[in-house]
């Protein structure tokens, strides 16, 4: 089954916690702190795999997690970094944040892309030793890895897209000009999935052609099969509109031409202005008057017209020559640039948090705060001083003041409560 969209959950690995340790050896007094740092959490990495042509694998596995970094150890031993999780996708896959639709990556090149970053490893207590603090009994915890719900969309990378009503000869054309072998039969929707074929012109000269499954009237609103595959026309540099000029199924070729163009414009207005060539297929079944009528109409609209009989290769070579000529003038296949992340209400140093005032209590929440608090010894004065500096440097104290907190008000940070002092 061809699957060109999917939703998955990814979670990068958490960073390992720093270690609280002191060197203790016989005959060595005051060995000092020697706790090592925690290892970095593994990333979630997307990589193009040209052996894949569909997103069907994501129908069965929807959750991907990277490895957590190891905690630091004594003797200044650093924890091992977590292994990255590599997710392989077909070329042309676009990755978006599911909730916001923000574009994160366009997998059109061979370069791997990090989608979710692993957490940083926490510092061991070695980092906190100073001339006045010679016995630091605390260390930094690792930060959590990023967690995202993603929407994957496959947008085919093709130079030329064949569009038109079902059964007009798109599959026949791509089969005679390339090595693609689509199913060809005399009934509607024979082609159920997009078909790619490489058209080779000469040594080192070729282009990719895509047979887009039949689009019908109302496709942009979900009618028929075409609406499932309209997204694959997005990247095509040139469109070839194939029309049954004989009207062999009782339809008017001009009405067909207008209906398909209307659906392309309804899906995306920019498609209406995309460079287009028009091929009138099944000329052997049409009268000279029918061909001449349609040709005059198309040329009046400003399009180049090519009468063809795809099944016997009649008129195909001039069409391919014109396609090659037009492609040489057009820019390369479009790729999409990632969109920047929106800023949260409170954020400083990349650490977001929220503040709410309820029943006289100020509640402060942030996922990273839980990790910090897990490494704080609240019975140790120096450790408490460290936590106070975290609240100041992260902007929490300033934000509380801006929100209107008064001296003596109660602040609740998860299971920690204290009175605010200016």
Protein backbone atom coordinates (compact mmCIF):
# COMPACT_ATOMS: atom_id res chain seq x y z
CA UNK A 1 0.00 0.00 0.00
CA UNK A 2 1.27 3.46 -0.89
CA UNK A 3 1.32 5.69 2.20
CA UNK A 4 2.45 9.30 1.80
CA UNK A 5 1.57 10.78 5.19
CA UNK A 6 2.00 9.61 8.78
CA UNK A 7 2.07 10.83 12.37
CA UNK A 8 4.72 9.67 14.82
CA UNK A 9 6.02 10.52 18.30
CA UNK A 10 9.76 11.02 18.87
CA UNK A 11 11.69 11.57 22.08
CA UNK A 12 15.39 12.31 22.27
CA UNK A 13 17.40 10.83 25.12
CA UNK A 14 17.78 12.62 28.45
CA UNK A 15 21.24 13.73 29.52
CA UNK A 16 22.91 11.71 32.26
CA UNK A 17 23.18 13.17 35.75
CA UNK A 18 26.45 14.55 37.09
CA UNK A 19 28.06 12.60 39.92
CA UNK A 20 28.67 13.70 43.52
CA UNK A 21 31.87 11.98 44.62
CA UNK A 22 35.01 12.71 46.65
CA UNK A 23 38.43 11.24 46.21
CA UNK A 24 39.35 9.04 49.15
CA UNK A 25 42.72 7.27 49.17
CA UNK A 26 44.96 6.12 51.94
CA UNK A 27 47.62 8.68 52.89
CA UNK A 28 45.94 11.38 50.71
CA UNK A 29 44.15 13.98 52.79
CA UNK A 30 41.45 16.25 51.41
CA UNK A 31 41.33 14.53 48.05
CA UNK A 32 38.57 16.86 46.93
CA UNK A 33 35.58 16.35 44.62
CA UNK A 34 36.01 14.01 41.64
CA UNK A 35 32.49 13.45 40.34
CA UNK A 36 32.34 13.12 36.54
CA UNK A 37 29.84 14.68 34.13
CA UNK A 38 26.85 12.83 32.72
CA UNK A 39 26.74 11.79 29.08
CA UNK A 40 24.68 13.57 26.41
CA UNK A 41 21.36 12.02 25.44
CA UNK A 42 20.97 10.57 21.95
CA UNK A 43 19.40 12.64 19.15
CA UNK A 44 16.52 11.76 16.84
CA UNK A 45 18.03 11.92 13.34
CA UNK A 46 16.22 11.67 10.00
CA UNK A 47 18.13 10.21 7.04
CA UNK A 48 17.12 9.80 3.38
CA UNK A 49 17.03 6.21 2.14
CA UNK A 50 16.57 5.83 -1.61
CA UNK A 51 15.47 2.21 -1.14
CA UNK A 52 12.25 3.52 0.40
CA UNK A 53 9.39 4.86 -1.74
CA UNK A 54 6.59 5.13 0.82
CA UNK A 55 5.93 5.95 4.47
CA UNK A 56 4.12 2.65 5.06
CA UNK A 57 6.60 1.54 7.77
CA UNK A 58 5.21 4.26 10.04
CA UNK A 59 1.78 2.60 10.05
CA UNK A 60 3.17 -0.09 12.35
CA UNK A 61 5.69 1.78 14.47
CA UNK A 62 4.74 5.24 15.68
CA UNK A 63 7.03 5.87 18.68
CA UNK A 64 10.77 6.40 18.46
CA UNK A 65 13.03 6.99 21.47
CA UNK A 66 16.76 7.70 21.62
CA UNK A 67 19.06 6.34 24.30
CA UNK A 68 19.58 8.20 27.59
CA UNK A 69 23.10 9.33 28.46
CA UNK A 70 24.85 7.51 31.28
CA UNK A 71 25.38 9.19 34.66
CA UNK A 72 28.86 10.40 35.59
CA UNK A 73 30.96 8.31 37.96
CA UNK A 74 33.71 8.77 40.52
CA UNK A 75 37.33 9.45 39.59
CA UNK A 76 36.19 12.09 37.09
CA UNK A 77 34.74 9.41 34.83
CA UNK A 78 32.29 10.91 32.32
CA UNK A 79 29.13 9.03 31.45
CA UNK A 80 28.79 7.54 27.97
CA UNK A 81 26.64 9.49 25.52
CA UNK A 82 23.39 7.88 24.41
CA UNK A 83 23.20 6.48 20.88
CA UNK A 84 21.26 8.43 18.28
CA UNK A 85 18.10 6.94 16.81
CA UNK A 86 18.18 7.17 13.01
CA UNK A 87 14.83 7.23 11.23
CA UNK A 88 15.06 6.45 7.50
CA UNK A 89 12.55 8.05 5.14
CA UNK A 90 12.07 8.34 1.35
CA UNK A 91 13.67 11.25 -0.45
CA UNK A 92 11.28 14.19 -0.57
CA UNK A 93 9.78 13.67 2.90
CA UNK A 94 8.73 16.87 4.66
CA UNK A 95 8.72 16.83 8.48
CA UNK A 96 6.34 19.13 10.36
CA UNK A 97 5.38 19.66 13.98
CA UNK A 98 1.95 18.02 14.21
CA UNK A 99 0.22 20.55 16.47
CA UNK A 100 1.44 23.78 14.88
CA UNK A 101 2.26 22.67 11.33
CA UNK A 102 5.70 24.30 11.65
CA UNK A 103 8.14 22.98 9.02
CA UNK A 104 11.13 21.32 10.69
CA UNK A 105 12.96 19.72 7.75
CA UNK A 106 12.79 18.87 4.07
CA UNK A 107 14.57 15.55 3.47
CA UNK A 108 15.59 16.14 -0.14
CA UNK A 109 19.37 15.75 0.17
CA UNK A 110 21.67 13.08 1.59
CA UNK A 111 22.51 15.19 4.64
CA UNK A 112 21.10 13.77 7.90
CA UNK A 113 18.91 16.17 9.89
CA UNK A 114 18.62 16.28 13.68
CA UNK A 115 14.93 16.77 14.50
CA UNK A 116 14.98 16.33 18.29
CA UNK A 117 18.14 17.07 20.29
CA UNK A 118 19.24 14.95 23.20
CA UNK A 119 19.60 16.52 26.64
CA UNK A 120 22.95 17.81 27.87
CA UNK A 121 24.80 15.83 30.46
CA UNK A 122 24.85 17.30 33.96
CA UNK A 123 28.03 18.59 35.56
CA UNK A 124 29.69 16.56 38.27
CA UNK A 125 30.57 18.23 41.57
CA UNK A 126 34.14 18.77 40.31
CA UNK A 127 32.90 21.88 38.48
CA UNK A 128 31.57 23.49 41.66
CA UNK A 129 34.75 23.43 43.74
CA UNK A 130 36.09 26.89 44.59
CA UNK A 131 38.49 28.33 47.13
CA UNK A 132 35.60 28.99 49.49
CA UNK A 133 33.50 25.93 48.58
CA UNK A 134 35.87 23.01 48.83
CA UNK A 135 33.29 20.32 49.55
CA UNK A 136 30.41 20.76 47.02
CA UNK A 137 27.80 18.13 47.87
CA UNK A 138 25.69 18.65 44.77
CA UNK A 139 25.89 18.17 41.02
CA UNK A 140 23.83 19.17 38.01
CA UNK A 141 21.25 16.74 36.63
CA UNK A 142 21.09 16.10 32.92
CA UNK A 143 18.56 18.09 30.93
CA UNK A 144 15.61 16.29 29.29
CA UNK A 145 15.68 15.45 25.59
CA UNK A 146 13.22 17.09 23.23
CA UNK A 147 9.89 15.34 22.68
CA UNK A 148 7.76 16.03 19.58
CA UNK A 149 4.73 14.76 17.73
CA UNK A 150 5.56 14.88 14.03
CA UNK A 151 3.61 14.79 10.80
CA UNK A 152 5.47 13.30 7.86
CA UNK A 153 4.45 14.08 4.27
CA UNK A 154 6.02 12.62 1.15
CA UNK A 155 6.20 15.11 -1.72
CA UNK A 156 7.73 13.44 -4.75
CA UNK A 157 10.86 14.96 -6.26
CA UNK A 158 10.08 15.08 -9.98
CA UNK A 159 10.93 17.53 -12.73
CA UNK A 160 7.79 16.87 -14.76
CA UNK A 161 4.30 15.98 -13.53
CA UNK A 162 1.71 14.36 -15.80
CA UNK A 163 -1.79 15.56 -14.95
CA UNK A 164 -5.18 14.87 -16.47
CA UNK A 165 -8.40 12.92 -16.05
CA UNK A 166 -8.26 9.14 -15.51
CA UNK A 167 -7.73 6.97 -18.58
CA UNK A 168 -6.32 9.72 -20.83
CA UNK A 169 -2.97 7.95 -21.38
CA UNK A 170 -0.63 9.28 -18.67
CA UNK A 171 0.58 5.81 -17.70
CA UNK A 172 1.02 4.83 -21.35
CA UNK A 173 3.18 7.90 -22.00
CA UNK A 174 5.49 7.36 -19.04
CA UNK A 175 5.86 3.68 -19.95
CA UNK A 176 7.08 4.46 -23.50
CA UNK A 177 9.52 7.25 -22.57
CA UNK A 178 11.05 5.66 -19.45
CA UNK A 179 11.63 2.30 -17.85
CA UNK A 180 8.67 2.73 -15.48
CA UNK A 181 6.16 -0.12 -15.70
CA UNK A 182 2.81 1.16 -14.43
CA UNK A 183 -0.31 -0.98 -14.64
CA UNK A 184 -2.19 -0.01 -17.80
CA UNK A 185 -5.82 -0.98 -18.41
CA UNK A 186 -8.94 0.49 -19.98
CA UNK A 187 -10.73 1.52 -16.80
CA UNK A 188 -10.64 4.45 -14.40
CA UNK A 189 -8.08 4.65 -11.60
CA UNK A 190 -5.85 1.92 -12.95
CA UNK A 191 -2.98 3.89 -11.43
CA UNK A 192 -3.49 3.89 -7.67
CA UNK A 193 -0.10 5.30 -6.68
CA UNK A 194 2.24 7.92 -8.18
CA UNK A 195 4.77 6.40 -10.59
CA UNK A 196 8.24 7.85 -11.17
CA UNK A 197 10.25 7.27 -14.33
CA UNK A 198 13.64 8.56 -15.47
CA UNK A 199 13.61 9.85 -19.06
CA UNK A 200 17.12 9.62 -20.53
CA UNK A 201 17.82 12.01 -23.41
CA UNK A 202 21.56 11.61 -23.93
CA UNK A 203 24.71 10.84 -21.98
CA UNK A 204 24.38 12.76 -18.71
CA UNK A 205 21.06 14.37 -19.72
CA UNK A 206 17.88 13.09 -18.10
CA UNK A 207 14.87 14.17 -16.06
CA UNK A 208 12.36 12.57 -13.70
CA UNK A 209 8.74 12.30 -14.79
CA UNK A 210 5.87 11.54 -12.39
CA UNK A 211 2.55 9.99 -13.35
CA UNK A 212 0.08 11.51 -10.88
CA UNK A 213 -3.02 9.31 -10.35
CA UNK A 214 -6.16 10.58 -12.07
CA UNK A 215 -7.47 13.91 -10.85
CA UNK A 216 -11.16 14.55 -11.37
CA UNK A 217 -13.52 17.43 -10.80
CA UNK A 218 -13.77 18.13 -7.07
CA UNK A 219 -10.41 16.46 -6.30
CA UNK A 220 -9.19 19.44 -4.26
CA UNK A 221 -12.19 18.90 -1.96
CA UNK A 222 -11.56 15.17 -1.53
CA UNK A 223 -13.43 13.65 -4.48
CA UNK A 224 -11.88 10.60 -6.17
CA UNK A 225 -8.25 9.58 -5.74
CA UNK A 226 -6.55 12.72 -7.04
CA UNK A 227 -6.86 14.67 -3.80
CA UNK A 228 -4.58 12.13 -2.11
CA UNK A 229 -1.79 12.91 -4.56
CA UNK A 230 -2.14 16.60 -5.36
CA UNK A 231 0.70 17.27 -2.90
CA UNK A 232 3.07 15.42 -5.22
CA UNK A 233 2.65 18.10 -7.89
CA UNK A 234 4.01 20.76 -5.52
CA UNK A 235 7.65 20.29 -6.48
CA UNK A 236 7.22 19.60 -10.22
CA UNK A 237 9.01 22.27 -12.25
CA UNK A 238 6.88 21.65 -15.33
CA UNK A 239 3.41 20.18 -15.83
CA UNK A 240 2.33 18.20 -18.88
CA UNK A 241 -1.46 18.23 -19.17
CA UNK A 242 -2.69 15.20 -21.12
CA UNK A 243 -6.16 15.40 -22.64
CA UNK A 244 -8.20 12.83 -24.57
CA UNK A 245 -8.87 14.98 -27.65
CA UNK A 246 -11.22 12.35 -29.08
CA UNK A 247 -13.58 12.63 -26.13
CA UNK A 248 -13.75 8.84 -26.26
CA UNK A 249 -15.60 8.66 -22.93
CA UNK A 250 -18.23 11.19 -23.93
CA UNK A 251 -16.52 14.18 -22.31
CA UNK A 252 -15.60 17.48 -23.96
CA UNK A 253 -11.77 17.90 -24.12
CA UNK A 254 -12.01 21.64 -23.49
CA UNK A 255 -14.23 21.10 -20.42
CA UNK A 256 -11.76 18.47 -19.15
CA UNK A 257 -8.83 20.86 -19.61
CA UNK A 258 -10.58 23.65 -17.70
CA UNK A 259 -11.76 21.33 -14.92
CA UNK A 260 -8.26 20.02 -14.17
CA UNK A 261 -6.75 23.51 -14.20
CA UNK A 262 -9.49 24.63 -11.82
CA UNK A 263 -8.66 21.80 -9.40
CA UNK A 264 -4.94 22.64 -9.48
CA UNK A 265 -5.68 26.29 -8.71
CA UNK A 266 -8.11 25.32 -5.93
CA UNK A 267 -5.44 23.17 -4.27
CA UNK A 268 -2.75 25.84 -4.59
CA UNK A 269 -3.10 29.07 -6.54
CA UNK A 270 0.56 29.02 -7.53
CA UNK A 271 0.00 25.79 -9.49
CA UNK A 272 -2.27 27.64 -11.91
CA UNK A 273 0.73 29.67 -13.06
CA UNK A 274 3.18 26.74 -13.20
CA UNK A 275 4.76 26.26 -16.69
CA UNK A 276 2.60 23.79 -18.62
CA UNK A 277 2.63 21.94 -21.95
CA UNK A 278 -0.52 20.35 -23.37
CA UNK A 279 -0.54 16.95 -25.08
CA UNK A 280 -3.62 15.86 -27.01
CA UNK A 281 -3.64 12.05 -26.81
CA UNK A 282 -5.68 9.48 -28.76
CA UNK A 283 -5.50 11.51 -31.96
CA UNK A 284 -6.16 8.32 -33.94
CA UNK A 285 -9.67 8.21 -32.47
CA UNK A 286 -10.38 11.90 -33.10
CA UNK A 287 -11.45 13.68 -36.25
CA UNK A 288 -9.31 16.42 -37.75
CA UNK A 289 -11.97 18.94 -36.71
CA UNK A 290 -11.79 17.80 -33.07
CA UNK A 291 -8.01 18.09 -32.96
CA UNK A 292 -8.02 21.47 -34.71
CA UNK A 293 -10.73 22.84 -32.38
CA UNK A 294 -8.85 21.84 -29.23
CA UNK A 295 -5.48 22.99 -30.60
CA UNK A 296 -6.87 26.43 -31.43
CA UNK A 297 -8.36 26.74 -27.94
CA UNK A 298 -5.12 25.73 -26.18
CA UNK A 299 -2.93 28.04 -28.26
CA UNK A 300 -5.35 30.90 -27.61
CA UNK A 301 -4.70 30.33 -23.90
CA UNK A 302 -0.95 30.64 -24.53
CA UNK A 303 0.06 26.96 -24.20
CA UNK A 304 2.15 24.85 -26.58
CA UNK A 305 0.16 21.93 -28.04
CA UNK A 306 1.46 18.50 -29.07
CA UNK A 307 -0.83 15.95 -30.78
CA UNK A 308 0.30 12.45 -29.77
CA UNK A 309 -0.64 8.79 -29.87
CA UNK A 310 1.28 7.54 -26.83
CA UNK A 311 0.58 3.84 -27.40
CA UNK A 312 2.48 3.82 -30.72
CA UNK A 313 4.95 6.59 -29.81
CA UNK A 314 3.54 8.95 -32.43
CA UNK A 315 4.40 12.61 -31.74
CA UNK A 316 6.14 11.75 -28.46
CA UNK A 317 9.69 12.76 -29.51
CA UNK A 318 8.80 16.43 -30.21
CA UNK A 319 7.05 16.58 -26.82
CA UNK A 320 10.09 15.17 -25.00
CA UNK A 321 12.37 17.57 -26.88
CA UNK A 322 10.22 20.52 -25.81
CA UNK A 323 10.14 19.30 -22.20
CA UNK A 324 13.95 19.11 -22.16
CA UNK A 325 14.20 22.61 -23.64
CA UNK A 326 11.80 24.10 -21.08
CA UNK A 327 13.48 22.39 -18.11
CA UNK A 328 16.83 23.93 -19.10
CA UNK A 329 15.29 27.37 -18.50
CA UNK A 330 13.61 26.59 -15.18
CA UNK A 331 15.10 26.75 -11.65
CA UNK A 332 15.88 23.47 -9.85
CA UNK A 333 13.30 21.51 -7.88
CA UNK A 334 12.09 23.54 -4.93
CA UNK A 335 13.14 22.64 -1.40
CA UNK A 336 11.53 24.05 1.73
CA UNK A 337 13.40 25.96 4.43
CA UNK A 338 12.75 25.10 8.10
CA UNK A 339 10.64 27.59 10.02
CA UNK A 340 12.00 29.12 13.28
CA UNK A 341 10.48 28.02 16.57
CA UNK A 342 8.08 30.47 18.25
CA UNK A 343 9.19 31.94 21.58
CA UNK A 344 7.37 30.95 24.76
CA UNK A 345 5.95 33.52 27.17
CA UNK A 346 8.82 33.09 29.62
CA UNK A 347 12.13 31.85 28.36
CA UNK A 348 15.73 32.65 29.12
CA UNK A 349 18.74 30.65 28.09
CA UNK A 350 16.53 28.18 26.22
CA UNK A 351 14.69 27.07 29.41
CA UNK A 352 10.93 27.75 29.22
CA UNK A 353 8.65 27.89 32.25
CA UNK A 354 5.11 28.95 33.16
CA UNK A 355 3.75 30.96 36.09
CA UNK A 356 0.16 30.97 37.37
CA UNK A 357 -1.42 32.58 40.43
CA UNK A 358 -4.14 30.57 42.14
CA UNK A 359 -5.68 30.90 45.65
CA UNK A 360 -2.85 33.16 46.80
CA UNK A 361 -0.13 30.74 45.72
CA UNK A 362 2.31 31.31 42.83
CA UNK A 363 2.88 28.08 40.88
CA UNK A 364 6.03 27.78 38.77
CA UNK A 365 6.36 24.87 36.35
CA UNK A 366 8.91 23.78 33.78
CA UNK A 367 10.05 20.30 32.81
CA UNK A 368 13.70 21.25 33.22
CA UNK A 369 13.03 22.40 36.80
CA UNK A 370 12.18 18.83 37.81
CA UNK A 371 15.57 17.67 36.60
CA UNK A 372 17.34 20.49 38.45
CA UNK A 373 15.48 19.79 41.69
CA UNK A 374 16.31 16.09 41.53
CA UNK A 375 19.99 17.01 41.90
CA UNK A 376 19.62 19.54 44.72
CA UNK A 377 20.22 18.60 48.33
CA UNK A 378 17.86 20.95 50.18
CA UNK A 379 19.51 20.10 53.50
CA UNK A 380 22.84 21.48 52.26
CA UNK A 381 23.38 25.26 52.43
CA UNK A 382 25.65 25.45 49.37
CA UNK A 383 23.28 23.32 47.33
CA UNK A 384 20.42 25.65 48.26
CA UNK A 385 22.52 28.62 47.17
CA UNK A 386 23.07 26.92 43.83
CA UNK A 387 19.30 26.41 43.38
CA UNK A 388 18.67 30.06 44.22
CA UNK A 389 21.13 31.11 41.52
CA UNK A 390 19.30 28.88 39.01
CA UNK A 391 16.02 30.68 39.80
CA UNK A 392 17.69 34.06 39.29
CA UNK A 393 19.66 33.21 36.13
CA UNK A 394 16.72 31.49 34.47
CA UNK A 395 14.59 34.62 34.88
CA UNK A 396 12.03 33.04 37.24
CA UNK A 397 12.54 35.57 40.06
CA UNK A 398 12.33 38.50 37.62
CA UNK A 399 9.20 37.06 36.01
CA UNK A 400 7.52 36.62 39.41
CA UNK A 401 8.21 40.25 40.24
CA UNK A 402 6.83 41.38 36.89
CA UNK A 403 3.67 39.36 37.53
CA UNK A 404 3.14 41.19 40.82
CA UNK A 405 4.34 38.85 43.57
CA UNK A 406 4.65 40.42 47.04
CA UNK A 407 7.08 39.68 49.85
CA UNK A 408 5.80 36.83 51.99
CA UNK A 409 3.70 35.28 49.18
CA UNK A 410 3.94 31.52 48.85
CA UNK A 411 5.78 30.09 45.83
CA UNK A 412 5.21 26.44 44.85
CA UNK A 413 7.63 24.68 42.50
CA UNK A 414 6.21 21.18 42.26
CA UNK A 415 6.68 19.68 45.78
CA UNK A 416 8.80 22.59 47.04
CA UNK A 417 7.11 25.50 48.83
CA UNK A 418 8.78 28.63 50.21
CA UNK A 419 7.96 32.24 51.08
CA UNK A 420 9.10 34.84 48.60
CA UNK A 421 11.69 37.33 49.91
CA UNK A 422 12.64 40.44 47.92
